[in-house]
Amino acid sequence: MKWPTWSIASGEPGDFLPIFIGCIILFMSVPAFVLLLVMPDRNSGVIGIPLLVWLGIGIIIGVIFVIHGLRICSFPGSWLYRITHGRIFTK
């Protein structure tokens, strides 16, 4: 029996699913990270640092998803395409 393959991005131009997933992850991680960093609770001493680490990892994963989605959605020759593919100074 052949199992169906599942991928987050099909690689076709215009596939916006990685951007959508990245924005959701960032929407969940960034506010909690900033709130815990700016106004920590008095009783969050033990869980505060590990929670900051997990939220920071979530922010990194969300940014990676957004950048991957921008790479898929950008058109060759555009400014965004050159930045996401590492070809900033070439024509």
PDB file of N, CA and C in Angstrom:
ATOM      1  N   MET A   1       0.843  -1.178   0.000  1.00  0.00           N
ATOM      2  CA  MET A   1       0.000   0.000   0.000  1.00  0.00           C
ATOM      3  C   MET A   1       0.888   1.241   0.000  1.00  0.00           C
ATOM      4  N   LYS A   2       0.608   2.144  -0.868  1.00  0.00           N
ATOM      5  CA  LYS A   2       1.370   3.382  -0.940  1.00  0.00           C
ATOM      6  C   LYS A   2       0.703   4.444  -0.075  1.00  0.00           C
ATOM      7  N   TRP A   3       1.482   4.996   0.862  1.00  0.00           N
ATOM      8  CA  TRP A   3       0.955   6.025   1.748  1.00  0.00           C
ATOM      9  C   TRP A   3       0.975   7.372   1.036  1.00  0.00           C
ATOM     10  N   PRO A   4      -0.015   8.193   1.264  1.00  0.00           N
ATOM     11  CA  PRO A   4      -0.012   9.523   0.650  1.00  0.00           C
ATOM     12  C   PRO A   4       1.079  10.398   1.277  1.00  0.00           C
ATOM     13  N   THR A   5       1.715  11.174   0.449  1.00  0.00           N
ATOM     14  CA  THR A   5       2.739  12.081   0.958  1.00  0.00           C
ATOM     15  C   THR A   5       2.093  13.389   1.371  1.00  0.00           C
ATOM     16  N   TRP A   6       2.588  13.952   2.427  1.00  0.00           N
ATOM     17  CA  TRP A   6       2.079  15.224   2.923  1.00  0.00           C
ATOM     18  C   TRP A   6       3.244  16.179   3.037  1.00  0.00           C
ATOM     19  N   SER A   7       3.091  17.317   2.459  1.00  0.00           N
ATOM     20  CA  SER A   7       4.129  18.326   2.581  1.00  0.00           C
ATOM     21  C   SER A   7       3.481  19.664   2.904  1.00  0.00           C
ATOM     22  N   ILE A   8       4.231  20.486   3.607  1.00  0.00           N
ATOM     23  CA  ILE A   8       3.704  21.784   3.999  1.00  0.00           C
ATOM     24  C   ILE A   8       3.650  22.710   2.799  1.00  0.00           C
ATOM     25  N   ALA A   9       4.625  22.595   1.924  1.00  0.00           N
ATOM     26  CA  ALA A   9       4.647  23.431   0.724  1.00  0.00           C
ATOM     27  C   ALA A   9       4.853  22.545  -0.488  1.00  0.00           C
ATOM     28  N   SER A  10       4.030  22.738  -1.488  1.00  0.00           N
ATOM     29  CA  SER A  10       4.155  21.918  -2.691  1.00  0.00           C
ATOM     30  C   SER A  10       5.270  22.405  -3.595  1.00  0.00           C
ATOM     31  N   GLY A  11       5.759  23.612  -3.377  1.00  0.00           N
ATOM     32  CA  GLY A  11       6.818  24.152  -4.207  1.00  0.00           C
ATOM     33  C   GLY A  11       6.312  24.872  -5.437  1.00  0.00           C
ATOM     34  N   GLU A  12       5.009  24.896  -5.622  1.00  0.00           N
ATOM     35  CA  GLU A  12       4.440  25.606  -6.762  1.00  0.00           C
ATOM     36  C   GLU A  12       4.395  27.098  -6.462  1.00  0.00           C
ATOM     37  N   PRO A  13       4.594  27.928  -7.463  1.00  0.00           N
ATOM     38  CA  PRO A  13       4.515  29.381  -7.232  1.00  0.00           C
ATOM     39  C   PRO A  13       3.121  29.776  -6.724  1.00  0.00           C
ATOM     40  N   GLY A  14       3.114  30.612  -5.729  1.00  0.00           N
ATOM     41  CA  GLY A  14       1.851  31.091  -5.185  1.00  0.00           C
ATOM     42  C   GLY A  14       1.327  30.257  -4.034  1.00  0.00           C
ATOM     43  N   ASP A  15       2.079  29.273  -3.571  1.00  0.00           N
ATOM     44  CA  ASP A  15       1.651  28.462  -2.431  1.00  0.00           C
ATOM     45  C   ASP A  15       1.891  29.266  -1.153  1.00  0.00           C
ATOM     46  N   PHE A  16       0.830  29.731  -0.536  1.00  0.00           N
ATOM     47  CA  PHE A  16       0.940  30.628   0.609  1.00  0.00           C
ATOM     48  C   PHE A  16       0.821  29.912   1.950  1.00  0.00           C
ATOM     49  N   LEU A  17       0.736  28.587   1.973  1.00  0.00           N
ATOM     50  CA  LEU A  17       0.541  27.859   3.219  1.00  0.00           C
ATOM     51  C   LEU A  17       1.681  28.058   4.216  1.00  0.00           C
ATOM     52  N   PRO A  18       2.973  28.048   3.814  1.00  0.00           N
ATOM     53  CA  PRO A  18       4.024  28.300   4.804  1.00  0.00           C
ATOM     54  C   PRO A  18       3.949  29.688   5.437  1.00  0.00           C
ATOM     55  N   ILE A  19       3.557  30.692   4.648  1.00  0.00           N
ATOM     56  CA  ILE A  19       3.402  32.038   5.214  1.00  0.00           C
ATOM     57  C   ILE A  19       2.275  32.031   6.247  1.00  0.00           C
ATOM     58  N   PHE A  20       1.194  31.359   5.933  1.00  0.00           N
ATOM     59  CA  PHE A  20       0.048  31.278   6.831  1.00  0.00           C
ATOM     60  C   PHE A  20       0.430  30.571   8.137  1.00  0.00           C
ATOM     61  N   ILE A  21       1.130  29.443   8.033  1.00  0.00           N
ATOM     62  CA  ILE A  21       1.555  28.706   9.225  1.00  0.00           C
ATOM     63  C   ILE A  21       2.531  29.547  10.047  1.00  0.00           C
ATOM     64  N   GLY A  22       3.486  30.199   9.378  1.00  0.00           N
ATOM     65  CA  GLY A  22       4.452  31.031  10.083  1.00  0.00           C
ATOM     66  C   GLY A  22       3.806  32.191  10.810  1.00  0.00           C
ATOM     67  N   CYS A  23       2.822  32.816  10.179  1.00  0.00           N
ATOM     68  CA  CYS A  23       2.131  33.934  10.832  1.00  0.00           C
ATOM     69  C   CYS A  23       1.335  33.463  12.049  1.00  0.00           C
ATOM     70  N   ILE A  24       0.732  32.291  11.975  1.00  0.00           N
ATOM     71  CA  ILE A  24      -0.003  31.763  13.126  1.00  0.00           C
ATOM     72  C   ILE A  24       0.955  31.468  14.277  1.00  0.00           C
ATOM     73  N   ILE A  25       2.108  30.848  13.967  1.00  0.00           N
ATOM     74  CA  ILE A  25       3.081  30.544  15.016  1.00  0.00           C
ATOM     75  C   ILE A  25       3.612  31.840  15.634  1.00  0.00           C
ATOM     76  N   LEU A  26       3.901  32.836  14.795  1.00  0.00           N
ATOM     77  CA  LEU A  26       4.371  34.119  15.322  1.00  0.00           C
ATOM     78  C   LEU A  26       3.288  34.817  16.135  1.00  0.00           C
ATOM     79  N   PHE A  27       2.038  34.718  15.689  1.00  0.00           N
ATOM     80  CA  PHE A  27       0.925  35.336  16.405  1.00  0.00           C
ATOM     81  C   PHE A  27       0.759  34.737  17.803  1.00  0.00           C
ATOM     82  N   MET A  28       1.100  33.444  17.952  1.00  0.00           N
ATOM     83  CA  MET A  28       0.995  32.812  19.266  1.00  0.00           C
ATOM     84  C   MET A  28       2.231  33.057  20.128  1.00  0.00           C
ATOM     85  N   SER A  29       3.412  33.157  19.522  1.00  0.00           N
ATOM     86  CA  SER A  29       4.655  33.207  20.295  1.00  0.00           C
ATOM     87  C   SER A  29       5.089  34.616  20.682  1.00  0.00           C
ATOM     88  N   VAL A  30       4.986  35.563  19.767  1.00  0.00           N
ATOM     89  CA  VAL A  30       5.552  36.897  20.008  1.00  0.00           C
ATOM     90  C   VAL A  30       4.866  37.631  21.163  1.00  0.00           C
ATOM     91  N   PRO A  31       3.534  37.697  21.232  1.00  0.00           N
ATOM     92  CA  PRO A  31       2.932  38.433  22.353  1.00  0.00           C
ATOM     93  C   PRO A  31       3.272  37.838  23.723  1.00  0.00           C
ATOM     94  N   ALA A  32       3.272  36.518  23.814  1.00  0.00           N
ATOM     95  CA  ALA A  32       3.610  35.890  25.096  1.00  0.00           C
ATOM     96  C   ALA A  32       5.070  36.129  25.457  1.00  0.00           C
ATOM     97  N   PHE A  33       5.958  36.069  24.458  1.00  0.00           N
ATOM     98  CA  PHE A  33       7.379  36.313  24.700  1.00  0.00           C
ATOM     99  C   PHE A  33       7.606  37.734  25.201  1.00  0.00           C
ATOM    100  N   VAL A  34       6.998  38.703  24.535  1.00  0.00           N
ATOM    101  CA  VAL A  34       7.173  40.103  24.928  1.00  0.00           C
ATOM    102  C   VAL A  34       6.555  40.352  26.301  1.00  0.00           C
ATOM    103  N   LEU A  35       5.388  39.808  26.551  1.00  0.00           N
ATOM    104  CA  LEU A  35       4.731  40.008  27.839  1.00  0.00           C
ATOM    105  C   LEU A  35       5.537  39.385  28.976  1.00  0.00           C
ATOM    106  N   LEU A  36       6.078  38.193  28.754  1.00  0.00           N
ATOM    107  CA  LEU A  36       6.875  37.547  29.792  1.00  0.00           C
ATOM    108  C   LEU A  36       8.208  38.251  29.992  1.00  0.00           C
ATOM    109  N   LEU A  37       8.729  38.846  28.933  1.00  0.00           N
ATOM    110  CA  LEU A  37       9.996  39.558  29.039  1.00  0.00           C
ATOM    111  C   LEU A  37       9.829  40.910  29.730  1.00  0.00           C
ATOM    112  N   VAL A  38       8.729  41.609  29.436  1.00  0.00           N
ATOM    113  CA  VAL A  38       8.513  42.953  29.971  1.00  0.00           C
ATOM    114  C   VAL A  38       7.911  42.914  31.372  1.00  0.00           C
ATOM    115  N   MET A  39       6.879  42.122  31.577  1.00  0.00           N
ATOM    116  CA  MET A  39       6.192  42.079  32.875  1.00  0.00           C
ATOM    117  C   MET A  39       6.127  40.654  33.411  1.00  0.00           C
ATOM    118  N   PRO A  40       7.237  40.121  33.929  1.00  0.00           N
ATOM    119  CA  PRO A  40       7.155  38.758  34.489  1.00  0.00           C
ATOM    120  C   PRO A  40       6.373  38.747  35.799  1.00  0.00           C
ATOM    121  N   ASP A  41       5.692  37.670  36.022  1.00  0.00           N
ATOM    122  CA  ASP A  41       4.937  37.507  37.261  1.00  0.00           C
ATOM    123  C   ASP A  41       5.902  37.193  38.404  1.00  0.00           C
ATOM    124  N   ARG A  42       5.515  37.535  39.627  1.00  0.00           N
ATOM    125  CA  ARG A  42       6.390  37.268  40.778  1.00  0.00           C
ATOM    126  C   ARG A  42       6.633  35.778  40.980  1.00  0.00           C
ATOM    127  N   ASN A  43       5.666  34.956  40.647  1.00  0.00           N
ATOM    128  CA  ASN A  43       5.770  33.520  40.893  1.00  0.00           C
ATOM    129  C   ASN A  43       6.228  32.740  39.655  1.00  0.00           C
ATOM    130  N   SER A  44       6.713  33.415  38.647  1.00  0.00           N
ATOM    131  CA  SER A  44       7.123  32.712  37.430  1.00  0.00           C
ATOM    132  C   SER A  44       8.631  32.507  37.358  1.00  0.00           C
ATOM    133  N   GLY A  45       9.299  32.487  38.498  1.00  0.00           N
ATOM    134  CA  GLY A  45      10.749  32.367  38.519  1.00  0.00           C
ATOM    135  C   GLY A  45      11.259  31.046  37.970  1.00  0.00           C
ATOM    136  N   VAL A  46      10.631  29.941  38.342  1.00  0.00           N
ATOM    137  CA  VAL A  46      11.108  28.634  37.924  1.00  0.00           C
ATOM    138  C   VAL A  46      10.747  28.346  36.476  1.00  0.00           C
ATOM    139  N   ILE A  47       9.557  28.702  36.070  1.00  0.00           N
ATOM    140  CA  ILE A  47       9.095  28.387  34.717  1.00  0.00           C
ATOM    141  C   ILE A  47       9.421  29.495  33.722  1.00  0.00           C
ATOM    142  N   GLY A  48       9.822  30.664  34.192  1.00  0.00           N
ATOM    143  CA  GLY A  48      10.022  31.820  33.317  1.00  0.00           C
ATOM    144  C   GLY A  48      11.092  31.624  32.264  1.00  0.00           C
ATOM    145  N   ILE A  49      12.269  31.172  32.648  1.00  0.00           N
ATOM    146  CA  ILE A  49      13.375  31.014  31.697  1.00  0.00           C
ATOM    147  C   ILE A  49      13.095  29.903  30.681  1.00  0.00           C
ATOM    148  N   PRO A  50      12.656  28.696  31.092  1.00  0.00           N
ATOM    149  CA  PRO A  50      12.342  27.676  30.080  1.00  0.00           C
ATOM    150  C   PRO A  50      11.214  28.103  29.139  1.00  0.00           C
ATOM    151  N   LEU A  51      10.243  28.832  29.673  1.00  0.00           N
ATOM    152  CA  LEU A  51       9.158  29.313  28.825  1.00  0.00           C
ATOM    153  C   LEU A  51       9.662  30.342  27.817  1.00  0.00           C
ATOM    154  N   LEU A  52      10.555  31.215  28.229  1.00  0.00           N
ATOM    155  CA  LEU A  52      11.174  32.159  27.290  1.00  0.00           C
ATOM    156  C   LEU A  52      11.937  31.425  26.194  1.00  0.00           C
ATOM    157  N   VAL A  53      12.627  30.353  26.555  1.00  0.00           N
ATOM    158  CA  VAL A  53      13.370  29.564  25.559  1.00  0.00           C
ATOM    159  C   VAL A  53      12.410  28.929  24.557  1.00  0.00           C
ATOM    160  N   TRP A  54      11.341  28.306  25.050  1.00  0.00           N
ATOM    161  CA  TRP A  54      10.370  27.671  24.146  1.00  0.00           C
ATOM    162  C   TRP A  54       9.684  28.698  23.247  1.00  0.00           C
ATOM    163  N   LEU A  55       9.327  29.834  23.793  1.00  0.00           N
ATOM    164  CA  LEU A  55       8.695  30.870  22.974  1.00  0.00           C
ATOM    165  C   LEU A  55       9.680  31.444  21.959  1.00  0.00           C
ATOM    166  N   GLY A  56      10.956  31.577  22.350  1.00  0.00           N
ATOM    167  CA  GLY A  56      11.979  32.020  21.409  1.00  0.00           C
ATOM    168  C   GLY A  56      12.165  31.037  20.269  1.00  0.00           C
ATOM    169  N   ILE A  57      12.132  29.732  20.583  1.00  0.00           N
ATOM    170  CA  ILE A  57      12.212  28.712  19.531  1.00  0.00           C
ATOM    171  C   ILE A  57      10.998  28.805  18.613  1.00  0.00           C
ATOM    172  N   GLY A  58       9.830  29.064  19.176  1.00  0.00           N
ATOM    173  CA  GLY A  58       8.626  29.243  18.360  1.00  0.00           C
ATOM    174  C   GLY A  58       8.736  30.439  17.430  1.00  0.00           C
ATOM    175  N   ILE A  59       9.339  31.515  17.916  1.00  0.00           N
ATOM    176  CA  ILE A  59       9.537  32.697  17.071  1.00  0.00           C
ATOM    177  C   ILE A  59      10.488  32.373  15.929  1.00  0.00           C
ATOM    178  N   ILE A  60      11.558  31.650  16.218  1.00  0.00           N
ATOM    179  CA  ILE A  60      12.517  31.279  15.165  1.00  0.00           C
ATOM    180  C   ILE A  60      11.852  30.381  14.123  1.00  0.00           C
ATOM    181  N   ILE A  61      11.076  29.406  14.561  1.00  0.00           N
ATOM    182  CA  ILE A  61      10.382  28.516  13.625  1.00  0.00           C
ATOM    183  C   ILE A  61       9.377  29.302  12.788  1.00  0.00           C
ATOM    184  N   GLY A  62       8.640  30.224  13.403  1.00  0.00           N
ATOM    185  CA  GLY A  62       7.684  31.043  12.652  1.00  0.00           C
ATOM    186  C   GLY A  62       8.361  31.906  11.605  1.00  0.00           C
ATOM    187  N   VAL A  63       9.498  32.499  11.955  1.00  0.00           N
ATOM    188  CA  VAL A  63      10.233  33.329  10.982  1.00  0.00           C
ATOM    189  C   VAL A  63      10.749  32.468   9.831  1.00  0.00           C
ATOM    190  N   ILE A  64      11.220  31.256  10.138  1.00  0.00           N
ATOM    191  CA  ILE A  64      11.693  30.351   9.080  1.00  0.00           C
ATOM    192  C   ILE A  64      10.552  30.007   8.129  1.00  0.00           C
ATOM    193  N   PHE A  65       9.369  29.723   8.671  1.00  0.00           N
ATOM    194  CA  PHE A  65       8.220  29.431   7.818  1.00  0.00           C
ATOM    195  C   PHE A  65       7.855  30.628   6.942  1.00  0.00           C
ATOM    196  N   VAL A  66       7.867  31.819   7.501  1.00  0.00           N
ATOM    197  CA  VAL A  66       7.525  33.011   6.721  1.00  0.00           C
ATOM    198  C   VAL A  66       8.545  33.235   5.604  1.00  0.00           C
ATOM    199  N   ILE A  67       9.828  33.095   5.914  1.00  0.00           N
ATOM    200  CA  ILE A  67      10.854  33.285   4.885  1.00  0.00           C
ATOM    201  C   ILE A  67      10.736  32.216   3.804  1.00  0.00           C
ATOM    202  N   HIS A  68      10.476  30.976   4.203  1.00  0.00           N
ATOM    203  CA  HIS A  68      10.293  29.910   3.212  1.00  0.00           C
ATOM    204  C   HIS A  68       9.080  30.201   2.315  1.00  0.00           C
ATOM    205  N   GLY A  69       8.005  30.676   2.907  1.00  0.00           N
ATOM    206  CA  GLY A  69       6.830  31.020   2.118  1.00  0.00           C
ATOM    207  C   GLY A  69       7.078  32.180   1.176  1.00  0.00           C
ATOM    208  N   LEU A  70       7.855  33.163   1.630  1.00  0.00           N
ATOM    209  CA  LEU A  70       8.191  34.281   0.752  1.00  0.00           C
ATOM    210  C   LEU A  70       9.070  33.829  -0.405  1.00  0.00           C
ATOM    211  N   ARG A  71       9.944  32.849  -0.145  1.00  0.00           N
ATOM    212  CA  ARG A  71      10.770  32.310  -1.225  1.00  0.00           C
ATOM    213  C   ARG A  71       9.909  31.643  -2.290  1.00  0.00           C
ATOM    214  N   ILE A  72       8.871  30.935  -1.842  1.00  0.00           N
ATOM    215  CA  ILE A  72       8.004  30.237  -2.794  1.00  0.00           C
ATOM    216  C   ILE A  72       7.140  31.228  -3.571  1.00  0.00           C
ATOM    217  N   CYS A  73       6.637  32.254  -2.904  1.00  0.00           N
ATOM    218  CA  CYS A  73       5.690  33.176  -3.533  1.00  0.00           C
ATOM    219  C   CYS A  73       6.356  34.274  -4.368  1.00  0.00           C
ATOM    220  N   SER A  74       7.655  34.474  -4.214  1.00  0.00           N
ATOM    221  CA  SER A  74       8.297  35.568  -4.952  1.00  0.00           C
ATOM    222  C   SER A  74       8.560  35.164  -6.397  1.00  0.00           C
ATOM    223  N   PHE A  75       8.502  36.139  -7.271  1.00  0.00           N
ATOM    224  CA  PHE A  75       8.716  35.911  -8.694  1.00  0.00           C
ATOM    225  C   PHE A  75      10.174  36.154  -9.062  1.00  0.00           C
ATOM    226  N   PRO A  76      10.739  35.356  -9.978  1.00  0.00           N
ATOM    227  CA  PRO A  76      12.141  35.564 -10.388  1.00  0.00           C
ATOM    228  C   PRO A  76      12.363  36.971 -10.939  1.00  0.00           C
ATOM    229  N   GLY A  77      13.449  37.570 -10.512  1.00  0.00           N
ATOM    230  CA  GLY A  77      13.784  38.918 -10.949  1.00  0.00           C
ATOM    231  C   GLY A  77      13.322  40.007 -10.010  1.00  0.00           C
ATOM    232  N   SER A  78      12.429  39.683  -9.097  1.00  0.00           N
ATOM    233  CA  SER A  78      11.933  40.704  -8.187  1.00  0.00           C
ATOM    234  C   SER A  78      12.927  40.926  -7.044  1.00  0.00           C
ATOM    235  N   TRP A  79      12.746  42.034  -6.351  1.00  0.00           N
ATOM    236  CA  TRP A  79      13.605  42.386  -5.225  1.00  0.00           C
ATOM    237  C   TRP A  79      13.499  41.339  -4.117  1.00  0.00           C
ATOM    238  N   LEU A  80      12.287  40.890  -3.820  1.00  0.00           N
ATOM    239  CA  LEU A  80      12.063  39.886  -2.787  1.00  0.00           C
ATOM    240  C   LEU A  80      12.711  38.557  -3.164  1.00  0.00           C
ATOM    241  N   TYR A  81      12.655  38.193  -4.427  1.00  0.00           N
ATOM    242  CA  TYR A  81      13.291  36.960  -4.893  1.00  0.00           C
ATOM    243  C   TYR A  81      14.800  37.020  -4.699  1.00  0.00           C
ATOM    244  N   ARG A  82      15.389  38.147  -5.041  1.00  0.00           N
ATOM    245  CA  ARG A  82      16.840  38.276  -4.896  1.00  0.00           C
ATOM    246  C   ARG A  82      17.266  38.240  -3.438  1.00  0.00           C
ATOM    247  N   ILE A  83      16.487  38.841  -2.544  1.00  0.00           N
ATOM    248  CA  ILE A  83      16.834  38.837  -1.118  1.00  0.00           C
ATOM    249  C   ILE A  83      16.683  37.435  -0.520  1.00  0.00           C
ATOM    250  N   THR A  84      15.583  36.754  -0.822  1.00  0.00           N
ATOM    251  CA  THR A  84      15.350  35.448  -0.212  1.00  0.00           C
ATOM    252  C   THR A  84      16.216  34.349  -0.809  1.00  0.00           C
ATOM    253  N   HIS A  85      16.760  34.548  -1.972  1.00  0.00           N
ATOM    254  CA  HIS A  85      17.638  33.550  -2.584  1.00  0.00           C
ATOM    255  C   HIS A  85      19.108  33.924  -2.483  1.00  0.00           C
ATOM    256  N   GLY A  86      19.436  34.978  -1.752  1.00  0.00           N
ATOM    257  CA  GLY A  86      20.820  35.335  -1.525  1.00  0.00           C
ATOM    258  C   GLY A  86      21.493  35.995  -2.704  1.00  0.00           C
ATOM    259  N   ARG A  87      20.755  36.616  -3.581  1.00  0.00           N
ATOM    260  CA  ARG A  87      21.318  37.277  -4.758  1.00  0.00           C
ATOM    261  C   ARG A  87      21.011  38.762  -4.719  1.00  0.00           C
ATOM    262  N   ILE A  88      21.441  39.404  -3.660  1.00  0.00           N
ATOM    263  CA  ILE A  88      21.091  40.812  -3.438  1.00  0.00           C
ATOM    264  C   ILE A  88      21.818  41.724  -4.404  1.00  0.00           C
ATOM    265  N   PHE A  89      23.120  41.510  -4.602  1.00  0.00           N
ATOM    266  CA  PHE A  89      23.926  42.454  -5.369  1.00  0.00           C
ATOM    267  C   PHE A  89      24.117  42.055  -6.824  1.00  0.00           C
ATOM    268  N   THR A  90      23.419  41.029  -7.303  1.00  0.00           N
ATOM    269  CA  THR A  90      23.548  40.634  -8.708  1.00  0.00           C
ATOM    270  C   THR A  90      22.380  41.186  -9.503  1.00  0.00           C
ATOM    271  N   LYS A  91      22.585  41.285 -10.790  1.00  0.00           N
ATOM    272  CA  LYS A  91      21.505  41.786 -11.649  1.00  0.00           C
ATOM    273  C   LYS A  91      20.786  40.659 -12.338  1.00  0.00           C
TER     274      LYS A  91
END
